[in-house]
């Protein structure tokens, strides 16, 4: 089951991850939310992160304190 987040306006977003290769040769994982389930959908929030909502209703991942 994909992780979903319903914002204060009632819109549902799904959490995704994508691994990208940097010029230095390192791999970086990008996390993003989408209204549709696409390739790379995650089942849970990564360890050490929490979901927050911006003023305009978009969900974002923030490092947990």
PDB file of N, CA and C in Angstrom:
ATOM      1  N   UNK A   1       0.837  -1.177   0.000  1.00  0.00           N
ATOM      2  CA  UNK A   1       0.000   0.000   0.000  1.00  0.00           C
ATOM      3  C   UNK A   1       0.883   1.242   0.000  1.00  0.00           C
ATOM      4  N   UNK A   2       0.647   2.132  -0.909  1.00  0.00           N
ATOM      5  CA  UNK A   2       1.449   3.334  -1.054  1.00  0.00           C
ATOM      6  C   UNK A   2       1.132   4.333   0.057  1.00  0.00           C
ATOM      7  N   UNK A   3       2.157   5.057   0.495  1.00  0.00           N
ATOM      8  CA  UNK A   3       1.955   6.089   1.515  1.00  0.00           C
ATOM      9  C   UNK A   3       1.234   7.264   0.875  1.00  0.00           C
ATOM     10  N   UNK A   4       0.149   7.694   1.511  1.00  0.00           N
ATOM     11  CA  UNK A   4      -0.601   8.835   0.995  1.00  0.00           C
ATOM     12  C   UNK A   4      -0.764   9.875   2.097  1.00  0.00           C
ATOM     13  N   UNK A   5      -0.905  11.124   1.688  1.00  0.00           N
ATOM     14  CA  UNK A   5      -1.090  12.246   2.604  1.00  0.00           C
ATOM     15  C   UNK A   5      -2.222  13.103   2.072  1.00  0.00           C
ATOM     16  N   UNK A   6      -3.223  13.344   2.910  1.00  0.00           N
ATOM     17  CA  UNK A   6      -4.343  14.200   2.517  1.00  0.00           C
ATOM     18  C   UNK A   6      -4.135  15.558   3.176  1.00  0.00           C
ATOM     19  N   UNK A   7      -4.032  16.612   2.361  1.00  0.00           N
ATOM     20  CA  UNK A   7      -3.763  17.941   2.907  1.00  0.00           C
ATOM     21  C   UNK A   7      -5.038  18.569   3.458  1.00  0.00           C
ATOM     22  N   UNK A   8      -4.919  19.780   3.980  1.00  0.00           N
ATOM     23  CA  UNK A   8      -6.046  20.459   4.612  1.00  0.00           C
ATOM     24  C   UNK A   8      -7.155  20.808   3.625  1.00  0.00           C
ATOM     25  N   UNK A   9      -6.861  20.781   2.341  1.00  0.00           N
ATOM     26  CA  UNK A   9      -7.864  21.081   1.310  1.00  0.00           C
ATOM     27  C   UNK A   9      -8.528  19.815   0.783  1.00  0.00           C
ATOM     28  N   UNK A  10      -8.109  18.653   1.286  1.00  0.00           N
ATOM     29  CA  UNK A  10      -8.714  17.393   0.899  1.00  0.00           C
ATOM     30  C   UNK A  10      -8.101  16.727  -0.312  1.00  0.00           C
ATOM     31  N   UNK A  11      -6.960  17.222  -0.784  1.00  0.00           N
ATOM     32  CA  UNK A  11      -6.283  16.632  -1.938  1.00  0.00           C
ATOM     33  C   UNK A  11      -5.309  15.569  -1.442  1.00  0.00           C
ATOM     34  N   UNK A  12      -5.320  14.401  -2.073  1.00  0.00           N
ATOM     35  CA  UNK A  12      -4.452  13.292  -1.679  1.00  0.00           C
ATOM     36  C   UNK A  12      -3.197  13.277  -2.540  1.00  0.00           C
ATOM     37  N   UNK A  13      -2.041  13.134  -1.872  1.00  0.00           N
ATOM     38  CA  UNK A  13      -0.744  13.065  -2.541  1.00  0.00           C
ATOM     39  C   UNK A  13      -0.060  11.764  -2.151  1.00  0.00           C
ATOM     40  N   UNK A  14       0.757  11.208  -3.060  1.00  0.00           N
ATOM     41  CA  UNK A  14       1.503   9.981  -2.825  1.00  0.00           C
ATOM     42  C   UNK A  14       2.993  10.288  -2.822  1.00  0.00           C
ATOM     43  N   UNK A  15       3.723   9.660  -1.900  1.00  0.00           N
ATOM     44  CA  UNK A  15       5.159   9.883  -1.738  1.00  0.00           C
ATOM     45  C   UNK A  15       5.942   8.989  -2.689  1.00  0.00           C
ATOM     46  N   UNK A  16       6.915   9.589  -3.397  1.00  0.00           N
ATOM     47  CA  UNK A  16       7.762   8.873  -4.353  1.00  0.00           C
ATOM     48  C   UNK A  16       9.232   9.135  -4.050  1.00  0.00           C
ATOM     49  N   UNK A  17      10.083   8.267  -4.552  1.00  0.00           N
ATOM     50  CA  UNK A  17      11.533   8.441  -4.444  1.00  0.00           C
ATOM     51  C   UNK A  17      12.158   8.133  -5.795  1.00  0.00           C
ATOM     52  N   UNK A  18      13.233   8.868  -6.094  1.00  0.00           N
ATOM     53  CA  UNK A  18      13.961   8.654  -7.342  1.00  0.00           C
ATOM     54  C   UNK A  18      15.447   8.816  -7.050  1.00  0.00           C
ATOM     55  N   UNK A  19      16.242   7.844  -7.454  1.00  0.00           N
ATOM     56  CA  UNK A  19      17.696   7.910  -7.272  1.00  0.00           C
ATOM     57  C   UNK A  19      18.313   8.553  -8.503  1.00  0.00           C
ATOM     58  N   UNK A  20      19.150   9.570  -8.291  1.00  0.00           N
ATOM     59  CA  UNK A  20      19.820  10.246  -9.396  1.00  0.00           C
ATOM     60  C   UNK A  20      21.325  10.165  -9.194  1.00  0.00           C
ATOM     61  N   UNK A  21      22.043  10.107 -10.284  1.00  0.00           N
ATOM     62  CA  UNK A  21      23.495  10.060 -10.249  1.00  0.00           C
ATOM     63  C   UNK A  21      24.042  11.469 -10.443  1.00  0.00           C
ATOM     64  N   UNK A  22      24.842  11.924  -9.486  1.00  0.00           N
ATOM     65  CA  UNK A  22      25.437  13.251  -9.556  1.00  0.00           C
ATOM     66  C   UNK A  22      26.713  13.226 -10.396  1.00  0.00           C
ATOM     67  N   UNK A  23      27.191  14.390 -10.800  1.00  0.00           N
ATOM     68  CA  UNK A  23      28.417  14.481 -11.594  1.00  0.00           C
ATOM     69  C   UNK A  23      29.631  13.918 -10.848  1.00  0.00           C
ATOM     70  N   UNK A  24      29.587  14.016  -9.523  1.00  0.00           N
ATOM     71  CA  UNK A  24      30.697  13.505  -8.717  1.00  0.00           C
ATOM     72  C   UNK A  24      30.710  11.981  -8.654  1.00  0.00           C
ATOM     73  N   UNK A  25      29.652  11.336  -9.146  1.00  0.00           N
ATOM     74  CA  UNK A  25      29.575   9.888  -9.123  1.00  0.00           C
ATOM     75  C   UNK A  25      28.747   9.340  -7.973  1.00  0.00           C
ATOM     76  N   UNK A  26      28.350  10.214  -7.052  1.00  0.00           N
ATOM     77  CA  UNK A  26      27.534   9.784  -5.925  1.00  0.00           C
ATOM     78  C   UNK A  26      26.069   9.668  -6.344  1.00  0.00           C
ATOM     79  N   UNK A  27      25.339   8.857  -5.627  1.00  0.00           N
ATOM     80  CA  UNK A  27      23.909   8.701  -5.875  1.00  0.00           C
ATOM     81  C   UNK A  27      23.147   9.480  -4.806  1.00  0.00           C
ATOM     82  N   UNK A  28      22.160  10.255  -5.238  1.00  0.00           N
ATOM     83  CA  UNK A  28      21.333  11.035  -4.323  1.00  0.00           C
ATOM     84  C   UNK A  28      19.876  10.617  -4.523  1.00  0.00           C
ATOM     85  N   UNK A  29      19.157  10.446  -3.421  1.00  0.00           N
ATOM     86  CA  UNK A  29      17.749  10.081  -3.494  1.00  0.00           C
ATOM     87  C   UNK A  29      16.899  11.330  -3.342  1.00  0.00           C
ATOM     88  N   UNK A  30      16.013  11.554  -4.307  1.00  0.00           N
ATOM     89  CA  UNK A  30      15.089  12.680  -4.277  1.00  0.00           C
ATOM     90  C   UNK A  30      13.720  12.172  -3.870  1.00  0.00           C
ATOM     91  N   UNK A  31      13.095  12.837  -2.911  1.00  0.00           N
ATOM     92  CA  UNK A  31      11.749  12.491  -2.465  1.00  0.00           C
ATOM     93  C   UNK A  31      10.798  13.563  -2.964  1.00  0.00           C
ATOM     94  N   UNK A  32       9.630  13.140  -3.461  1.00  0.00           N
ATOM     95  CA  UNK A  32       8.643  14.104  -3.935  1.00  0.00           C
ATOM     96  C   UNK A  32       7.241  13.527  -3.804  1.00  0.00           C
ATOM     97  N   UNK A  33       6.250  14.427  -3.796  1.00  0.00           N
ATOM     98  CA  UNK A  33       4.851  14.033  -3.719  1.00  0.00           C
ATOM     99  C   UNK A  33       4.199  14.272  -5.071  1.00  0.00           C
ATOM    100  N   UNK A  34       3.249  13.395  -5.415  1.00  0.00           N
ATOM    101  CA  UNK A  34       2.512  13.502  -6.662  1.00  0.00           C
ATOM    102  C   UNK A  34       1.057  13.139  -6.399  1.00  0.00           C
ATOM    103  N   UNK A  35       0.150  13.699  -7.201  1.00  0.00           N
ATOM    104  CA  UNK A  35      -1.267  13.383  -7.049  1.00  0.00           C
ATOM    105  C   UNK A  35      -1.596  11.990  -7.586  1.00  0.00           C
ATOM    106  N   UNK A  36      -0.715  11.422  -8.405  1.00  0.00           N
ATOM    107  CA  UNK A  36      -0.932  10.104  -8.989  1.00  0.00           C
ATOM    108  C   UNK A  36       0.171   9.152  -8.528  1.00  0.00           C
ATOM    109  N   UNK A  37      -0.161   7.863  -8.466  1.00  0.00           N
ATOM    110  CA  UNK A  37       0.849   6.859  -8.142  1.00  0.00           C
ATOM    111  C   UNK A  37       1.631   6.545  -9.408  1.00  0.00           C
ATOM    112  N   UNK A  38       2.935   6.782  -9.358  1.00  0.00           N
ATOM    113  CA  UNK A  38       3.818   6.549 -10.493  1.00  0.00           C
ATOM    114  C   UNK A  38       4.903   5.562 -10.081  1.00  0.00           C
ATOM    115  N   UNK A  39       5.860   5.344 -10.964  1.00  0.00           N
ATOM    116  CA  UNK A  39       6.988   4.490 -10.647  1.00  0.00           C
ATOM    117  C   UNK A  39       7.791   5.101  -9.507  1.00  0.00           C
ATOM    118  N   UNK A  40       8.189   4.290  -8.550  1.00  0.00           N
ATOM    119  CA  UNK A  40       8.982   4.770  -7.428  1.00  0.00           C
ATOM    120  C   UNK A  40       8.162   5.145  -6.213  1.00  0.00           C
ATOM    121  N   UNK A  41       6.884   4.774  -6.177  1.00  0.00           N
ATOM    122  CA  UNK A  41       6.037   5.107  -5.033  1.00  0.00           C
ATOM    123  C   UNK A  41       6.547   4.355  -3.798  1.00  0.00           C
ATOM    124  N   UNK A  42       6.511   5.021  -2.643  1.00  0.00           N
ATOM    125  CA  UNK A  42       7.005   4.438  -1.396  1.00  0.00           C
ATOM    126  C   UNK A  42       5.845   3.980  -0.516  1.00  0.00           C
ATOM    127  N   UNK A  43       6.103   2.976   0.319  1.00  0.00           N
ATOM    128  CA  UNK A  43       5.081   2.461   1.231  1.00  0.00           C
ATOM    129  C   UNK A  43       5.063   3.178   2.568  1.00  0.00           C
ATOM    130  N   UNK A  44       6.148   3.887   2.905  1.00  0.00           N
ATOM    131  CA  UNK A  44       6.238   4.566   4.193  1.00  0.00           C
ATOM    132  C   UNK A  44       7.190   5.753   4.074  1.00  0.00           C
ATOM    133  N   UNK A  45       7.096   6.644   5.034  1.00  0.00           N
ATOM    134  CA  UNK A  45       8.007   7.792   5.102  1.00  0.00           C
ATOM    135  C   UNK A  45       9.384   7.273   5.513  1.00  0.00           C
ATOM    136  N   UNK A  46      10.464   7.715   4.864  1.00  0.00           N
ATOM    137  CA  UNK A  46      11.808   7.258   5.236  1.00  0.00           C
ATOM    138  C   UNK A  46      12.143   7.604   6.695  1.00  0.00           C
ATOM    139  N   UNK A  47      12.960   6.784   7.309  1.00  0.00           N
ATOM    140  CA  UNK A  47      13.365   7.003   8.692  1.00  0.00           C
ATOM    141  C   UNK A  47      14.067   8.359   8.823  1.00  0.00           C
ATOM    142  N   UNK A  48      13.733   9.088   9.861  1.00  0.00           N
ATOM    143  CA  UNK A  48      14.349  10.385  10.108  1.00  0.00           C
ATOM    144  C   UNK A  48      13.647  11.543   9.422  1.00  0.00           C
ATOM    145  N   UNK A  49      12.531  11.286   8.749  1.00  0.00           N
ATOM    146  CA  UNK A  49      11.784  12.330   8.052  1.00  0.00           C
ATOM    147  C   UNK A  49      10.355  12.395   8.569  1.00  0.00           C
ATOM    148  N   UNK A  50       9.724  13.556   8.400  1.00  0.00           N
ATOM    149  CA  UNK A  50       8.323  13.752   8.766  1.00  0.00           C
ATOM    150  C   UNK A  50       7.656  14.565   7.667  1.00  0.00           C
ATOM    151  N   UNK A  51       6.366  14.381   7.500  1.00  0.00           N
ATOM    152  CA  UNK A  51       5.611  15.106   6.480  1.00  0.00           C
ATOM    153  C   UNK A  51       5.068  16.389   7.087  1.00  0.00           C
ATOM    154  N   UNK A  52       5.237  17.493   6.363  1.00  0.00           N
ATOM    155  CA  UNK A  52       4.697  18.786   6.766  1.00  0.00           C
ATOM    156  C   UNK A  52       3.946  19.370   5.571  1.00  0.00           C
ATOM    157  N   UNK A  53       3.132  20.371   5.846  1.00  0.00           N
ATOM    158  CA  UNK A  53       2.350  21.009   4.785  1.00  0.00           C
ATOM    159  C   UNK A  53       2.743  22.478   4.685  1.00  0.00           C
ATOM    160  N   UNK A  54       2.957  22.954   3.457  1.00  0.00           N
ATOM    161  CA  UNK A  54       3.295  24.364   3.264  1.00  0.00           C
ATOM    162  C   UNK A  54       2.031  25.210   3.388  1.00  0.00           C
ATOM    163  N   UNK A  55       2.192  26.519   3.380  1.00  0.00           N
ATOM    164  CA  UNK A  55       1.060  27.437   3.506  1.00  0.00           C
ATOM    165  C   UNK A  55       0.062  27.288   2.370  1.00  0.00           C
ATOM    166  N   UNK A  56       0.532  26.886   1.194  1.00  0.00           N
ATOM    167  CA  UNK A  56      -0.381  26.741   0.053  1.00  0.00           C
ATOM    168  C   UNK A  56      -0.883  25.306  -0.111  1.00  0.00           C
ATOM    169  N   UNK A  57      -0.657  24.430   0.872  1.00  0.00           N
ATOM    170  CA  UNK A  57      -1.235  23.101   0.882  1.00  0.00           C
ATOM    171  C   UNK A  57      -0.394  21.986   0.308  1.00  0.00           C
ATOM    172  N   UNK A  58       0.827  22.270  -0.133  1.00  0.00           N
ATOM    173  CA  UNK A  58       1.671  21.227  -0.717  1.00  0.00           C
ATOM    174  C   UNK A  58       2.407  20.473   0.390  1.00  0.00           C
ATOM    175  N   UNK A  59       2.425  19.140   0.332  1.00  0.00           N
ATOM    176  CA  UNK A  59       3.169  18.370   1.324  1.00  0.00           C
ATOM    177  C   UNK A  59       4.667  18.360   1.008  1.00  0.00           C
ATOM    178  N   UNK A  60       5.485  18.376   2.037  1.00  0.00           N
ATOM    179  CA  UNK A  60       6.937  18.317   1.892  1.00  0.00           C
ATOM    180  C   UNK A  60       7.498  17.392   2.975  1.00  0.00           C
ATOM    181  N   UNK A  61       8.673  16.820   2.712  1.00  0.00           N
ATOM    182  CA  UNK A  61       9.374  16.028   3.721  1.00  0.00           C
ATOM    183  C   UNK A  61      10.361  16.924   4.446  1.00  0.00           C
ATOM    184  N   UNK A  62      10.372  16.822   5.751  1.00  0.00           N
ATOM    185  CA  UNK A  62      11.332  17.570   6.553  1.00  0.00           C
ATOM    186  C   UNK A  62      12.054  16.580   7.452  1.00  0.00           C
ATOM    187  N   UNK A  63      13.315  16.865   7.726  1.00  0.00           N
ATOM    188  CA  UNK A  63      14.069  16.017   8.637  1.00  0.00           C
ATOM    189  C   UNK A  63      13.483  16.179  10.038  1.00  0.00           C
ATOM    190  N   UNK A  64      13.226  15.041  10.687  1.00  0.00           N
ATOM    191  CA  UNK A  64      12.656  15.047  12.031  1.00  0.00           C
ATOM    192  C   UNK A  64      13.700  15.536  13.028  1.00  0.00           C
ATOM    193  N   UNK A  65      13.232  16.256  13.992  1.00  0.00           N
ATOM    194  CA  UNK A  65      14.140  16.802  15.002  1.00  0.00           C
ATOM    195  C   UNK A  65      14.470  15.819  16.080  1.00  0.00           C
TER     196      UNK A  65
END
